[in-house]
């Protein structure tokens, strides 16, 4: 992973890139969890957000805090 970060930073610096929009999700997660190591702006959420969104239960708990979770009926 350190190699990826160094390579991306080299490209960012060489090409004077100001904004990084990574795709796919797995790359976005790595960059989000290492934002402090990149010399460029991103609009990525905190890295732990990816862990929450990948887990339906944790997502429901977070959404419930804002009254956005779907209601479950038995």
Protein backbone atom coordinates (compact mmCIF):
# COMPACT_ATOMS: atom_id res chain seq x y z
CA UNK A 1 0.00 0.00 0.00
CA UNK A 2 2.89 2.38 0.74
CA UNK A 3 4.04 1.85 -2.85
CA UNK A 4 0.58 2.89 -4.10
CA UNK A 5 0.62 6.05 -1.99
CA UNK A 6 4.13 7.01 -3.15
CA UNK A 7 3.24 6.34 -6.79
CA UNK A 8 0.04 8.37 -6.64
CA UNK A 9 1.78 11.25 -4.87
CA UNK A 10 4.48 11.25 -7.56
CA UNK A 11 1.82 11.48 -10.29
CA UNK A 12 -0.10 14.14 -8.33
CA UNK A 13 3.03 16.27 -7.97
CA UNK A 14 4.32 15.73 -11.53
CA UNK A 15 0.98 16.52 -13.15
CA UNK A 16 0.02 19.31 -10.70
CA UNK A 17 -3.22 17.51 -9.84
CA UNK A 18 -5.43 19.44 -7.42
CA UNK A 19 -8.29 16.97 -6.91
CA UNK A 20 -8.43 13.16 -6.70
CA UNK A 21 -11.66 11.27 -7.42
CA UNK A 22 -10.85 7.57 -6.98
CA UNK A 23 -12.83 4.69 -8.46
CA UNK A 24 -13.78 1.90 -7.66
CA UNK A 25 -14.93 1.71 -4.04
CA UNK A 26 -11.96 -0.36 -2.87
CA UNK A 27 -9.52 2.30 -4.12
CA UNK A 28 -11.63 5.09 -2.64
CA UNK A 29 -11.54 3.32 0.73
CA UNK A 30 -7.75 3.01 0.72
CA UNK A 31 -7.34 6.66 -0.19
CA UNK A 32 -9.95 7.79 2.37
CA UNK A 33 -8.23 5.83 5.14
CA UNK A 34 -4.91 7.43 4.17
CA UNK A 35 -6.07 10.95 3.21
CA UNK A 36 -3.47 12.49 5.48
CA UNK A 37 -0.73 10.96 3.30
CA UNK A 38 -1.89 12.50 0.03
CA UNK A 39 -0.93 15.93 -1.23
CA UNK A 40 -4.25 16.57 -2.96
CA UNK A 41 -7.87 17.42 -2.16
CA UNK A 42 -10.60 14.79 -2.15
CA UNK A 43 -14.27 14.84 -1.22
CA UNK A 44 -14.06 11.45 0.43
CA UNK A 45 -15.64 10.79 3.81
CA UNK A 46 -13.64 9.60 6.81
CA UNK A 47 -12.21 6.14 6.22
CA UNK A 48 -14.37 4.47 8.86
CA UNK A 49 -17.50 5.48 6.92
CA UNK A 50 -16.64 2.75 4.39
CA UNK A 51 -16.69 0.16 7.20
CA UNK A 52 -20.10 1.37 8.33
CA UNK A 53 -21.62 1.44 4.84
CA UNK A 54 -20.42 -2.08 4.09
CA UNK A 55 -22.31 -3.37 7.15
CA UNK A 56 -26.11 -3.20 6.88
CA UNK A 57 -26.64 -3.33 10.64
CA UNK A 58 -24.16 -0.51 11.38
CA UNK A 59 -25.67 1.53 8.55
CA UNK A 60 -29.16 1.07 10.01
CA UNK A 61 -27.92 2.14 13.46
CA UNK A 62 -26.33 5.30 12.06
CA UNK A 63 -29.36 6.14 9.93
CA UNK A 64 -31.62 5.60 12.92
CA UNK A 65 -29.81 8.45 14.70
CA UNK A 66 -31.27 10.75 12.04
CA UNK A 67 -34.65 8.99 11.84
CA UNK A 68 -33.75 7.74 8.36
CA UNK A 69 -33.63 3.98 8.99
CA UNK A 70 -36.47 1.95 7.51
CA UNK A 71 -38.93 0.68 10.08
CA UNK A 72 -39.14 -3.08 10.56
CA UNK A 73 -42.43 -4.81 11.24
CA UNK A 74 -42.92 -8.46 12.17
